[in-house]
C-alpha atoms as a PDB file:
ATOM      1  CA  MET A   1       0.002   0.009   0.001  1.00  0.00           C
ATOM      2  CA  ASN A   2       1.418   3.364  -0.984  1.00  0.00           C
ATOM      3  CA  LEU A   3       0.364   5.596   1.914  1.00  0.00           C
ATOM      4  CA  ARG A   4       1.895   8.627   0.264  1.00  0.00           C
ATOM      5  CA  THR A   5      -0.891   8.490  -2.306  1.00  0.00           C
ATOM      6  CA  THR A   6      -4.172   9.343  -0.611  1.00  0.00           C
ATOM      7  CA  ALA A   7      -7.690  10.215  -1.626  1.00  0.00           C
ATOM      8  CA  THR A   8      -6.572  13.832  -2.006  1.00  0.00           C
ATOM      9  CA  ALA A   9      -4.384  12.861  -5.007  1.00  0.00           C
ATOM     10  CA  ARG A  10      -1.519  14.817  -3.490  1.00  0.00           C
ATOM     11  CA  PRO A  11       1.296  15.444  -5.997  1.00  0.00           C
ATOM     12  CA  GLU A  12       4.627  13.736  -5.404  1.00  0.00           C
ATOM     13  CA  THR A  13       6.556  16.760  -6.684  1.00  0.00           C
ATOM     14  CA  PRO A  14       6.187  20.023  -4.731  1.00  0.00           C
ATOM     15  CA  ARG A  15       4.655  22.958  -6.544  1.00  0.00           C
ATOM     16  CA  PRO A  16       5.219  26.692  -6.003  1.00  0.00           C
ATOM     17  CA  LEU A  17       3.575  28.265  -2.961  1.00  0.00           C
ATOM     18  CA  GLU A  18       2.588  31.742  -4.134  1.00  0.00           C
ATOM     19  CA  VAL A  19       1.675  34.571  -1.784  1.00  0.00           C
ATOM     20  CA  GLU A  20       0.267  37.533  -3.721  1.00  0.00           C
ATOM     21  CA  GLY A  21      -0.669  40.935  -2.276  1.00  0.00           C
ATOM     22  CA  VAL A  22      -1.764  39.616   1.137  1.00  0.00           C
ATOM     23  CA  THR A  23      -3.110  42.203   3.558  1.00  0.00           C
ATOM     24  CA  VAL A  24      -4.340  41.431   7.071  1.00  0.00           C
ATOM     25  CA  ARG A  25      -5.931  43.953   9.438  1.00  0.00           C
ATOM     26  CA  PHE A  26      -7.039  43.658  13.051  1.00  0.00           C
ATOM     27  CA  ALA A  27      -9.353  46.382  14.341  1.00  0.00           C
ATOM     28  CA  GLY A  28      -7.757  48.957  12.017  1.00  0.00           C
ATOM     29  CA  LEU A  29      -4.171  47.774  12.641  1.00  0.00           C
ATOM     30  CA  THR A  30      -2.452  46.538   9.495  1.00  0.00           C
ATOM     31  CA  ALA A  31      -0.529  43.388  10.436  1.00  0.00           C
ATOM     32  CA  LEU A  32       0.448  42.537   6.819  1.00  0.00           C
ATOM     33  CA  ASP A  33       0.486  45.127   4.061  1.00  0.00           C
ATOM     34  CA  ASP A  34       0.414  43.845   0.448  1.00  0.00           C
ATOM     35  CA  VAL A  35       2.970  41.078   1.070  1.00  0.00           C
ATOM     36  CA  SER A  36       4.034  38.909  -1.858  1.00  0.00           C
ATOM     37  CA  PHE A  37       6.616  36.161  -2.281  1.00  0.00           C
ATOM     38  CA  THR A  38       6.963  32.761  -3.946  1.00  0.00           C
ATOM     39  CA  VAL A  39       8.393  29.632  -2.390  1.00  0.00           C
ATOM     40  CA  ALA A  40      10.129  27.715  -5.161  1.00  0.00           C
ATOM     41  CA  PRO A  41       9.516  23.949  -5.284  1.00  0.00           C
ATOM     42  CA  GLY A  42      11.984  22.046  -3.148  1.00  0.00           C
ATOM     43  CA  SER A  43      13.547  25.173  -1.625  1.00  0.00           C
ATOM     44  CA  VAL A  44      14.005  26.401   1.923  1.00  0.00           C
ATOM     45  CA  HIS A  45      12.430  29.840   2.190  1.00  0.00           C
ATOM     46  CA  ALA A  46      12.851  31.889   5.382  1.00  0.00           C
ATOM     47  CA  VAL A  47      10.534  34.649   6.540  1.00  0.00           C
ATOM     48  CA  ILE A  48      12.371  36.892   8.980  1.00  0.00           C
ATOM     49  CA  GLY A  49      12.006  40.274  10.628  1.00  0.00           C
ATOM     50  CA  PRO A  50      12.131  42.067  14.000  1.00  0.00           C
ATOM     51  CA  ASN A  51       9.507  41.361  16.674  1.00  0.00           C
ATOM     52  CA  GLY A  52       6.120  42.564  15.515  1.00  0.00           C
ATOM     53  CA  ALA A  53       7.084  42.420  11.866  1.00  0.00           C
ATOM     54  CA  GLY A  54       4.141  40.194  10.888  1.00  0.00           C
ATOM     55  CA  LYS A  55       5.898  36.841  10.607  1.00  0.00           C
ATOM     56  CA  SER A  56       3.440  34.880  12.756  1.00  0.00           C
ATOM     57  CA  THR A  57       0.515  36.534  11.029  1.00  0.00           C
ATOM     58  CA  CYS A  58       1.968  35.471   7.690  1.00  0.00           C
ATOM     59  CA  PHE A  59       2.260  31.866   8.850  1.00  0.00           C
ATOM     60  CA  ASN A  60      -1.283  31.935  10.167  1.00  0.00           C
ATOM     61  CA  VAL A  61      -2.495  33.046   6.752  1.00  0.00           C
ATOM     62  CA  LEU A  62      -0.532  30.302   4.985  1.00  0.00           C
ATOM     63  CA  SER A  63      -1.995  27.625   7.273  1.00  0.00           C
ATOM     64  CA  GLY A  64      -5.565  28.954   7.172  1.00  0.00           C
ATOM     65  CA  LEU A  65      -5.853  30.261  10.722  1.00  0.00           C
ATOM     66  CA  TYR A  66      -6.277  33.831   9.461  1.00  0.00           C
ATOM     67  CA  ARG A  67      -8.092  35.037   6.364  1.00  0.00           C
ATOM     68  CA  PRO A  68      -6.641  38.096   4.617  1.00  0.00           C
ATOM     69  CA  VAL A  69      -8.791  41.083   3.733  1.00  0.00           C
ATOM     70  CA  SER A  70      -7.174  41.038   0.305  1.00  0.00           C
ATOM     71  CA  GLY A  71      -4.640  38.991  -1.621  1.00  0.00           C
ATOM     72  CA  THR A  72      -4.299  35.270  -2.303  1.00  0.00           C
ATOM     73  CA  VAL A  73      -2.267  32.226  -1.346  1.00  0.00           C
ATOM     74  CA  ARG A  74      -1.965  29.449  -3.946  1.00  0.00           C
ATOM     75  CA  TYR A  75      -0.289  26.079  -3.909  1.00  0.00           C
ATOM     76  CA  GLY A  76       0.046  25.076  -7.512  1.00  0.00           C
ATOM     77  CA  GLU A  77      -3.443  25.293  -8.977  1.00  0.00           C
ATOM     78  CA  HIS A  78      -5.085  25.219  -5.541  1.00  0.00           C
ATOM     79  CA  LEU A  79      -6.370  28.469  -4.046  1.00  0.00           C
ATOM     80  CA  LEU A  80      -5.737  28.189  -0.297  1.00  0.00           C
ATOM     81  CA  THR A  81      -7.188  31.552   0.684  1.00  0.00           C
ATOM     82  CA  GLY A  82     -10.305  31.019   2.743  1.00  0.00           C
ATOM     83  CA  LEU A  83      -9.882  27.282   3.239  1.00  0.00           C
ATOM     84  CA  ALA A  84     -10.014  25.757   6.711  1.00  0.00           C
ATOM     85  CA  PRO A  85      -6.691  24.563   8.165  1.00  0.00           C
ATOM     86  CA  HIS A  86      -7.556  20.864   7.805  1.00  0.00           C
ATOM     87  CA  ARG A  87      -8.390  21.345   4.101  1.00  0.00           C
ATOM     88  CA  ILE A  88      -5.091  23.141   3.537  1.00  0.00           C
ATOM     89  CA  ALA A  89      -3.267  20.278   5.286  1.00  0.00           C
ATOM     90  CA  ALA A  90      -5.110  17.793   3.081  1.00  0.00           C
ATOM     91  CA  LEU A  91      -3.761  19.610   0.002  1.00  0.00           C
ATOM     92  CA  GLY A  92      -0.185  19.095   1.219  1.00  0.00           C
ATOM     93  CA  VAL A  93       0.688  22.101   3.399  1.00  0.00           C
ATOM     94  CA  ALA A  94       1.423  21.226   7.025  1.00  0.00           C
ATOM     95  CA  ARG A  95       2.855  23.285   9.862  1.00  0.00           C
ATOM     96  CA  THR A  96       4.434  23.174  13.282  1.00  0.00           C
ATOM     97  CA  PHE A  97       3.898  25.736  16.030  1.00  0.00           C
ATOM     98  CA  GLN A  98       6.324  27.821  18.047  1.00  0.00           C
ATOM     99  CA  ASN A  99       5.060  26.272  21.287  1.00  0.00           C
ATOM    100  CA  ILE A 100       5.278  22.489  21.635  1.00  0.00           C
ATOM    101  CA  VAL A 101       1.904  20.820  21.182  1.00  0.00           C
ATOM    102  CA  THR A 102       2.126  17.137  22.152  1.00  0.00           C
ATOM    103  CA  THR A 103      -0.366  14.770  23.645  1.00  0.00           C
ATOM    104  CA  GLU A 104      -0.069  12.166  26.379  1.00  0.00           C
ATOM    105  CA  GLY A 105       1.322   8.814  25.325  1.00  0.00           C
ATOM    106  CA  THR A 106       4.320   7.711  23.354  1.00  0.00           C
ATOM    107  CA  VAL A 107       6.134   9.244  20.410  1.00  0.00           C
ATOM    108  CA  GLY A 108       4.411   6.681  18.215  1.00  0.00           C
ATOM    109  CA  ASP A 109       0.984   7.713  19.560  1.00  0.00           C
ATOM    110  CA  ASN A 110       1.684  11.347  18.632  1.00  0.00           C
ATOM    111  CA  LEU A 111       2.905  10.462  15.156  1.00  0.00           C
ATOM    112  CA  MET A 112      -0.109   8.281  14.487  1.00  0.00           C
ATOM    113  CA  LEU A 113      -2.287  11.315  15.117  1.00  0.00           C
ATOM    114  CA  GLY A 114      -0.652  12.801  12.044  1.00  0.00           C
ATOM    115  CA  ARG A 115      -1.633   9.693  10.048  1.00  0.00           C
ATOM    116  CA  HIS A 116      -5.293   9.977  11.074  1.00  0.00           C
ATOM    117  CA  ALA A 117      -6.211  12.296   8.206  1.00  0.00           C
ATOM    118  CA  LEU A 118      -4.844   9.749   5.723  1.00  0.00           C
ATOM    119  CA  THR A 119      -6.801   6.790   7.123  1.00  0.00           C
ATOM    120  CA  ARG A 120      -9.381   5.363   4.728  1.00  0.00           C
ATOM    121  CA  ALA A 121     -10.880   2.684   6.939  1.00  0.00           C
ATOM    122  CA  GLY A 122     -14.029   3.824   8.703  1.00  0.00           C
ATOM    123  CA  PHE A 123     -14.692   3.763  12.434  1.00  0.00           C
ATOM    124  CA  VAL A 124     -16.726   0.577  12.257  1.00  0.00           C
ATOM    125  CA  SER A 125     -14.106  -1.267  10.212  1.00  0.00           C
ATOM    126  CA  SER A 126     -11.398  -0.206  12.621  1.00  0.00           C
ATOM    127  CA  ALA A 127     -13.436  -1.048  15.708  1.00  0.00           C
ATOM    128  CA  LEU A 128     -14.228  -4.534  14.348  1.00  0.00           C
ATOM    129  CA  HIS A 129     -10.589  -5.058  13.307  1.00  0.00           C
ATOM    130  CA  LEU A 130     -11.603  -6.003   9.809  1.00  0.00           C
ATOM    131  CA  PRO A 131      -8.642  -7.297   7.769  1.00  0.00           C
ATOM    132  CA  HIS A 132      -8.311  -4.269   5.474  1.00  0.00           C
ATOM    133  CA  ALA A 133      -8.417  -1.913   8.456  1.00  0.00           C
ATOM    134  CA  VAL A 134      -5.771  -3.914  10.297  1.00  0.00           C
ATOM    135  CA  ARG A 135      -3.510  -3.934   7.243  1.00  0.00           C
ATOM    136  CA  GLU A 136      -3.909  -0.194   6.809  1.00  0.00           C
ATOM    137  CA  GLN A 137      -3.167   0.474  10.488  1.00  0.00           C
ATOM    138  CA  ARG A 138       0.024  -1.629  10.276  1.00  0.00           C
ATOM    139  CA  ALA A 139       1.131   0.272   7.143  1.00  0.00           C
ATOM    140  CA  HIS A 140       0.519   3.631   8.826  1.00  0.00           C
ATOM    141  CA  LEU A 141       2.488   2.483  11.887  1.00  0.00           C
ATOM    142  CA  ALA A 142       5.365   1.382   9.694  1.00  0.00           C
ATOM    143  CA  ARG A 143       5.390   4.729   7.906  1.00  0.00           C
ATOM    144  CA  ALA A 144       5.311   6.585  11.229  1.00  0.00           C
ATOM    145  CA  ARG A 145       8.386   4.600  12.280  1.00  0.00           C
ATOM    146  CA  GLU A 146      10.137   5.571   9.033  1.00  0.00           C
ATOM    147  CA  ILE A 147       9.455   9.222   9.665  1.00  0.00           C
ATOM    148  CA  ALA A 148      10.640   8.908  13.262  1.00  0.00           C
ATOM    149  CA  GLY A 149      13.893   7.530  11.846  1.00  0.00           C
ATOM    150  CA  ILE A 150      14.268  10.441   9.436  1.00  0.00           C
ATOM    151  CA  VAL A 151      14.133  12.968  12.259  1.00  0.00           C
ATOM    152  CA  GLY A 152      16.264  10.893  14.628  1.00  0.00           C
ATOM    153  CA  LEU A 153      13.543   9.621  16.971  1.00  0.00           C
ATOM    154  CA  GLU A 154      13.617   5.938  16.057  1.00  0.00           C
ATOM    155  CA  ARG A 155      14.962   4.822  19.464  1.00  0.00           C
ATOM    156  CA  HIS A 156      12.326   6.917  21.237  1.00  0.00           C
ATOM    157  CA  PHE A 157       9.336   5.656  19.223  1.00  0.00           C
ATOM    158  CA  ASP A 158       7.820   3.655  22.101  1.00  0.00           C
ATOM    159  CA  GLN A 159       8.811   6.063  24.869  1.00  0.00           C
ATOM    160  CA  PRO A 160       6.413   8.497  26.574  1.00  0.00           C
ATOM    161  CA  VAL A 161       6.787  12.011  25.147  1.00  0.00           C
ATOM    162  CA  ALA A 162       6.826  13.399  28.686  1.00  0.00           C
ATOM    163  CA  LEU A 163      10.201  11.756  29.333  1.00  0.00           C
ATOM    164  CA  LEU A 164      11.942  13.304  26.290  1.00  0.00           C
ATOM    165  CA  SER A 165      14.239  16.316  26.268  1.00  0.00           C
ATOM    166  CA  TYR A 166      12.959  19.651  24.996  1.00  0.00           C
ATOM    167  CA  GLY A 167      14.832  19.263  21.712  1.00  0.00           C
ATOM    168  CA  ASP A 168      13.391  15.789  21.117  1.00  0.00           C
ATOM    169  CA  ARG A 169       9.850  16.999  21.840  1.00  0.00           C
ATOM    170  CA  LYS A 170      10.344  19.661  19.162  1.00  0.00           C
ATOM    171  CA  ARG A 171      11.302  16.832  16.809  1.00  0.00           C
ATOM    172  CA  VAL A 172       8.082  15.023  17.686  1.00  0.00           C
ATOM    173  CA  GLU A 173       6.216  18.173  16.613  1.00  0.00           C
ATOM    174  CA  MET A 174       7.994  18.161  13.283  1.00  0.00           C
ATOM    175  CA  ALA A 175       7.572  14.417  12.763  1.00  0.00           C
ATOM    176  CA  ARG A 176       3.836  14.620  13.426  1.00  0.00           C
ATOM    177  CA  ALA A 177       3.512  17.269  10.731  1.00  0.00           C
ATOM    178  CA  LEU A 178       5.553  15.103   8.386  1.00  0.00           C
ATOM    179  CA  CYS A 179       3.173  12.206   9.053  1.00  0.00           C
ATOM    180  CA  LEU A 180       0.578  14.150   7.039  1.00  0.00           C
ATOM    181  CA  GLU A 181       2.847  13.578   4.021  1.00  0.00           C
ATOM    182  CA  PRO A 182       3.006  17.265   3.159  1.00  0.00           C
ATOM    183  CA  ARG A 183       4.750  18.704   0.112  1.00  0.00           C
ATOM    184  CA  VAL A 184       5.217  22.053   1.878  1.00  0.00           C
ATOM    185  CA  LEU A 185       6.296  22.137   5.535  1.00  0.00           C
ATOM    186  CA  LEU A 186       5.858  25.335   7.538  1.00  0.00           C
ATOM    187  CA  LEU A 187       8.259  25.483  10.494  1.00  0.00           C
ATOM    188  CA  ASP A 188       7.428  28.109  13.089  1.00  0.00           C
ATOM    189  CA  GLU A 189      10.653  28.860  15.024  1.00  0.00           C
ATOM    190  CA  PRO A 190      11.943  25.252  14.905  1.00  0.00           C
ATOM    191  CA  VAL A 191      14.919  25.897  17.238  1.00  0.00           C
ATOM    192  CA  ALA A 192      13.264  28.300  19.701  1.00  0.00           C
ATOM    193  CA  GLY A 193      14.355  27.536  23.274  1.00  0.00           C
ATOM    194  CA  MET A 194      17.036  25.016  22.260  1.00  0.00           C
ATOM    195  CA  ASN A 195      20.606  24.996  23.502  1.00  0.00           C
ATOM    196  CA  THR A 196      23.557  25.057  21.098  1.00  0.00           C
ATOM    197  CA  THR A 197      23.798  21.282  20.766  1.00  0.00           C
ATOM    198  CA  GLU A 198      20.071  20.943  20.114  1.00  0.00           C
ATOM    199  CA  ARG A 199      20.121  23.729  17.529  1.00  0.00           C
ATOM    200  CA  THR A 200      22.961  22.098  15.639  1.00  0.00           C
ATOM    201  CA  ALA A 201      21.085  18.809  15.597  1.00  0.00           C
ATOM    202  CA  ALA A 202      17.902  20.534  14.452  1.00  0.00           C
ATOM    203  CA  VAL A 203      19.709  22.056  11.454  1.00  0.00           C
ATOM    204  CA  GLU A 204      20.830  18.607  10.356  1.00  0.00           C
ATOM    205  CA  VAL A 205      17.298  17.231  10.796  1.00  0.00           C
ATOM    206  CA  ILE A 206      15.834  19.976   8.586  1.00  0.00           C
ATOM    207  CA  ARG A 207      18.478  19.303   5.926  1.00  0.00           C
ATOM    208  CA  THR A 208      17.753  15.557   6.069  1.00  0.00           C
ATOM    209  CA  VAL A 209      14.022  16.103   5.787  1.00  0.00           C
ATOM    210  CA  ARG A 210      14.467  18.308   2.760  1.00  0.00           C
ATOM    211  CA  GLU A 211      16.841  15.897   1.042  1.00  0.00           C
ATOM    212  CA  GLN A 212      15.032  12.659   1.778  1.00  0.00           C
ATOM    213  CA  LEU A 213      11.455  13.816   1.340  1.00  0.00           C
ATOM    214  CA  GLY A 214      11.950  16.475  -1.342  1.00  0.00           C
ATOM    215  CA  LEU A 215       9.855  19.045   0.446  1.00  0.00           C
ATOM    216  CA  SER A 216       9.560  22.778   0.145  1.00  0.00           C
ATOM    217  CA  ILE A 217      10.195  24.272   3.599  1.00  0.00           C
ATOM    218  CA  VAL A 218       9.090  27.686   4.838  1.00  0.00           C
ATOM    219  CA  LEU A 219      10.492  28.748   8.176  1.00  0.00           C
ATOM    220  CA  VAL A 220      10.132  31.601  10.592  1.00  0.00           C
ATOM    221  CA  GLU A 221      13.163  31.795  12.823  1.00  0.00           C
ATOM    222  CA  HIS A 222      15.002  34.338  14.995  1.00  0.00           C
ATOM    223  CA  ASP A 223      18.292  32.409  14.881  1.00  0.00           C
ATOM    224  CA  MET A 224      19.890  34.295  11.990  1.00  0.00           C
ATOM    225  CA  GLY A 225      22.847  31.933  11.880  1.00  0.00           C
ATOM    226  CA  LEU A 226      20.465  29.057  11.105  1.00  0.00           C
ATOM    227  CA  VAL A 227      18.585  31.099   8.524  1.00  0.00           C
ATOM    228  CA  MET A 228      21.746  32.082   6.690  1.00  0.00           C
ATOM    229  CA  ARG A 229      23.016  28.482   6.654  1.00  0.00           C
ATOM    230  CA  LEU A 230      19.792  26.804   5.582  1.00  0.00           C
ATOM    231  CA  ALA A 231      17.743  29.184   3.433  1.00  0.00           C
ATOM    232  CA  ASP A 232      17.896  29.427  -0.364  1.00  0.00           C
ATOM    233  CA  GLU A 233      15.778  32.599  -0.281  1.00  0.00           C
ATOM    234  CA  VAL A 234      14.797  35.038   2.428  1.00  0.00           C
ATOM    235  CA  THR A 235      11.837  37.391   2.692  1.00  0.00           C
ATOM    236  CA  VAL A 236      12.216  40.178   5.277  1.00  0.00           C
ATOM    237  CA  LEU A 237       9.187  41.792   6.896  1.00  0.00           C
ATOM    238  CA  ASP A 238       9.059  44.990   8.965  1.00  0.00           C
ATOM    239  CA  PHE A 239       5.866  46.540  10.342  1.00  0.00           C
ATOM    240  CA  GLY A 240       3.887  44.170   8.128  1.00  0.00           C
ATOM    241  CA  ARG A 241       5.605  45.216   4.881  1.00  0.00           C
ATOM    242  CA  ARG A 242       8.071  43.305   2.750  1.00  0.00           C
ATOM    243  CA  ILE A 243      11.272  45.347   2.851  1.00  0.00           C
ATOM    244  CA  ALA A 244      13.691  42.894   1.211  1.00  0.00           C
ATOM    245  CA  HIS A 245      13.843  39.615  -0.637  1.00  0.00           C
ATOM    246  CA  GLY A 246      16.710  37.576  -2.052  1.00  0.00           C
ATOM    247  CA  THR A 247      19.477  35.154  -1.193  1.00  0.00           C
ATOM    248  CA  PRO A 248      20.891  35.191   2.343  1.00  0.00           C
ATOM    249  CA  ASP A 249      23.980  37.116   1.161  1.00  0.00           C
ATOM    250  CA  GLU A 250      21.837  39.717  -0.606  1.00  0.00           C
ATOM    251  CA  VAL A 251      19.536  40.165   2.348  1.00  0.00           C
ATOM    252  CA  ARG A 252      22.212  40.503   5.026  1.00  0.00           C
ATOM    253  CA  GLN A 253      23.794  43.390   3.054  1.00  0.00           C
ATOM    254  CA  ASP A 254      20.519  45.216   2.388  1.00  0.00           C
ATOM    255  CA  PRO A 255      20.481  48.667   4.070  1.00  0.00           C
ATOM    256  CA  GLU A 256      16.740  48.405   4.855  1.00  0.00           C
ATOM    257  CA  VAL A 257      17.315  45.102   6.625  1.00  0.00           C
ATOM    258  CA  LEU A 258      20.190  46.472   8.643  1.00  0.00           C
ATOM    259  CA  ARG A 259      18.094  49.508   9.611  1.00  0.00           C
ATOM    260  CA  ALA A 260      15.162  47.374  10.687  1.00  0.00           C
ATOM    261  CA  TYR A 261      17.260  45.105  12.904  1.00  0.00           C
ATOM    262  CA  LEU A 262      19.549  47.732  14.352  1.00  0.00           C
ATOM    263  CA  GLY A 263      16.544  49.958  15.019  1.00  0.00           C
ATOM    264  CA  THR A 264      15.053  47.331  17.354  1.00  0.00           C
ATOM    265  CA  GLY A 265      18.260  46.321  19.055  1.00  0.00           C
ATOM    266  CA  ALA A 266      18.060  42.831  17.569  1.00  0.00           C
ATOM    267  CA  ASP A 267      21.022  40.858  16.295  1.00  0.00           C
ATOM    268  CA  THR A 268      22.090  41.930  12.834  1.00  0.00           C
ATOM    269  CA  PRO A 269      21.322  39.435  10.084  1.00  0.00           C
ATOM    270  CA  GLY A 270      24.137  37.059   9.383  1.00  0.00           C
ATOM    271  CA  LYS A 271      25.437  37.020  12.954  1.00  0.00           C
ATOM    272  CA  GLU A 272      26.069  33.427  13.889  1.00  0.00           C
ATOM    273  CA  ALA A 273      24.092  32.257  16.890  1.00  0.00           C
ATOM    274  CA  ALA A 274      26.102  30.950  19.809  1.00  0.00           C
END
């Protein structure tokens, strides 16, 4: 059974994720102002900016939590604007959150939650342990183990999540998103709160995920060293506006970017994190 081919007919090759003229307002406050960028298939695209720049709002639009007042988000031929988060996930766009969101139980239990949306057997078939439902459950479990291996959690698969380190719990969050078999993975501050060793390991995990699964990855991250090492392209936001876009080298030399970061007292782009 090929569990990467579901009823959604999800494409095996990632398509462009196109953000065009997106504007978001809250009670008269403009959180995003006519923001546009394109995530090339198979690339790592970083969205950065000082605190309050609109990064989280942008991610919430991409994942369907917020609806813009104008503009569109498209994944290939699919218009994502206005769709509910679960429908966007079904089309191949999955996300993690800045704060760890795990459930009770083992690593495997958490990863199997990510497989739920891909399950074809109905409740009755599963409850009665009909042969096709049992076969499907075993195949999903095997795939969850594969994904655990990709992110370095294979030896923790049967362990309670509560006993894991902070860095490993962040990996569980990523692995659960990967269990949806996305073609675009949205990573919201994937190394936030990690120590130096954990951050280094996380960088390698992201590289491995990209190489082995062929995903497009969009990340919001404050660790500029990580961004400059991983990203193919960078979009910089400030006060809800796009002020720069380009390769990491181009962005870190952009006067507007330097002004935005220095003006808030943040680390200058390109500074390696400790």
